[in-house]
C-alpha atoms as a PDB file:
ATOM      1  CA  MET A   1     106.326 118.509 146.230  1.00  0.00           C
ATOM      2  CA  SER A   2     109.655 121.061 145.811  1.00  0.00           C
ATOM      3  CA  GLY A   3     111.089 121.534 141.932  1.00  0.00           C
ATOM      4  CA  ARG A   4     114.375 119.283 143.697  1.00  0.00           C
ATOM      5  CA  ARG A   5     112.552 117.052 144.691  1.00  0.00           C
ATOM      6  CA  LEU A   6     110.630 116.260 141.397  1.00  0.00           C
ATOM      7  CA  ALA A   7     113.484 116.015 139.615  1.00  0.00           C
ATOM      8  CA  LEU A   8     114.820 113.299 142.042  1.00  0.00           C
ATOM      9  CA  THR A   9     111.575 111.178 141.965  1.00  0.00           C
ATOM     10  CA  LEU A  10     111.580 111.604 137.890  1.00  0.00           C
ATOM     11  CA  ARG A  11     115.499 110.516 138.148  1.00  0.00           C
ATOM     12  CA  LEU A  12     114.754 107.349 140.309  1.00  0.00           C
ATOM     13  CA  LEU A  13     111.871 106.381 137.738  1.00  0.00           C
ATOM     14  CA  GLY A  14     114.314 106.898 134.898  1.00  0.00           C
ATOM     15  CA  ILE A  15     116.225 104.016 136.487  1.00  0.00           C
ATOM     16  CA  GLY A  16     113.826 101.720 137.160  1.00  0.00           C
ATOM     17  CA  TRP A  17     112.104 102.227 133.607  1.00  0.00           C
ATOM     18  CA  PHE A  18     115.789 101.802 132.538  1.00  0.00           C
ATOM     19  CA  VAL A  19     116.499  98.150 134.994  1.00  0.00           C
ATOM     20  CA  ALA A  20     113.314  96.624 133.241  1.00  0.00           C
ATOM     21  CA  MET A  21     114.123  97.590 129.879  1.00  0.00           C
ATOM     22  CA  CYS A  22     117.367  96.012 130.158  1.00  0.00           C
ATOM     23  CA  ILE A  23     115.990  92.746 131.444  1.00  0.00           C
ATOM     24  CA  GLY A  24     112.868  92.651 129.893  1.00  0.00           C
ATOM     25  CA  GLY A  25     114.829  93.252 126.244  1.00  0.00           C
ATOM     26  CA  GLY A  26     117.342  90.984 127.145  1.00  0.00           C
ATOM     27  CA  ALA A  27     115.003  88.152 127.839  1.00  0.00           C
ATOM     28  CA  ALA A  28     112.260  88.865 124.959  1.00  0.00           C
ATOM     29  CA  GLY A  29     115.853  89.121 122.435  1.00  0.00           C
ATOM     30  CA  GLY A  30     116.769  85.428 123.523  1.00  0.00           C
ATOM     31  CA  PHE A  31     113.605  84.346 123.469  1.00  0.00           C
ATOM     32  CA  LEU A  32     113.105  85.664 119.791  1.00  0.00           C
ATOM     33  CA  LEU A  33     116.457  83.882 119.190  1.00  0.00           C
ATOM     34  CA  ASP A  34     115.338  80.700 120.743  1.00  0.00           C
ATOM     35  CA  ARG A  35     112.813  80.777 118.212  1.00  0.00           C
ATOM     36  CA  GLN A  36     114.211  81.212 115.031  1.00  0.00           C
ATOM     37  CA  LEU A  37     117.283  78.576 115.863  1.00  0.00           C
ATOM     38  CA  GLU A  38     115.431  76.012 117.973  1.00  0.00           C
ATOM     39  CA  THR A  39     117.320  76.310 121.255  1.00  0.00           C
ATOM     40  CA  ALA A  40     115.110  76.700 123.341  1.00  0.00           C
ATOM     41  CA  PRO A  41     115.959  78.201 126.550  1.00  0.00           C
ATOM     42  CA  ALA A  42     119.413  78.643 126.052  1.00  0.00           C
ATOM     43  CA  PHE A  43     119.351  81.924 124.321  1.00  0.00           C
ATOM     44  CA  THR A  44     116.430  83.691 126.496  1.00  0.00           C
ATOM     45  CA  LEU A  45     118.060  82.717 129.700  1.00  0.00           C
ATOM     46  CA  ILE A  46     122.001  84.138 128.249  1.00  0.00           C
ATOM     47  CA  GLY A  47     119.720  87.252 126.976  1.00  0.00           C
ATOM     48  CA  LEU A  48     118.330  87.540 130.875  1.00  0.00           C
ATOM     49  CA  ALA A  49     121.707  87.086 132.309  1.00  0.00           C
ATOM     50  CA  ALA A  50     123.351  89.654 130.202  1.00  0.00           C
ATOM     51  CA  GLY A  51     119.797  91.816 130.706  1.00  0.00           C
ATOM     52  CA  ILE A  52     120.469  91.565 134.563  1.00  0.00           C
ATOM     53  CA  GLY A  53     123.918  92.601 134.066  1.00  0.00           C
ATOM     54  CA  LEU A  54     123.716  95.313 131.854  1.00  0.00           C
ATOM     55  CA  ALA A  55     121.115  96.782 134.379  1.00  0.00           C
ATOM     56  CA  VAL A  56     123.029  96.097 137.638  1.00  0.00           C
ATOM     57  CA  SER A  57     126.313  97.992 135.967  1.00  0.00           C
ATOM     58  CA  GLY A  58     123.587 100.534 134.356  1.00  0.00           C
ATOM     59  CA  MET A  59     121.940 101.454 137.823  1.00  0.00           C
ATOM     60  CA  TYR A  60     125.191 101.877 139.821  1.00  0.00           C
ATOM     61  CA  ARG A  61     126.764 104.269 137.525  1.00  0.00           C
ATOM     62  CA  MET A  62     122.823 106.227 137.430  1.00  0.00           C
ATOM     63  CA  LEU A  63     122.869 105.740 141.196  1.00  0.00           C
ATOM     64  CA  ILE A  64     126.461 106.844 141.943  1.00  0.00           C
ATOM     65  CA  ALA A  65     125.631 110.244 140.046  1.00  0.00           C
ATOM     66  CA  VAL A  66     122.356 110.939 141.392  1.00  0.00           C
ATOM     67  CA  LEU A  67     123.241 110.170 145.108  1.00  0.00           C
ATOM     68  CA  THR A  68     126.740 112.083 144.115  1.00  0.00           C
ATOM     69  CA  PRO A  69     126.487 115.722 145.528  1.00  0.00           C
ATOM     70  CA  PRO A  70     126.661 118.277 142.903  1.00  0.00           C
ATOM     71  CA  GLU A  71     129.994 120.516 143.743  1.00  0.00           C
ATOM     72  CA  GLU A  72     129.169 124.258 143.269  1.00  0.00           C
END
């Protein structure tokens, strides 16, 4: 595998991890708040929605940076 393809692969893997951490972190944080405040499932759903929103906006910005050809 060439160096450029490897770099692209690693950047795309990083984007995937970012998405997973945003969604999982939002849901886990909401779940922990629900357990503390006894409001299940309100904060879990809010955290999940916030995680999905952050993941989509961050993924869009990162993909634009990856797919835009570099200026020379």
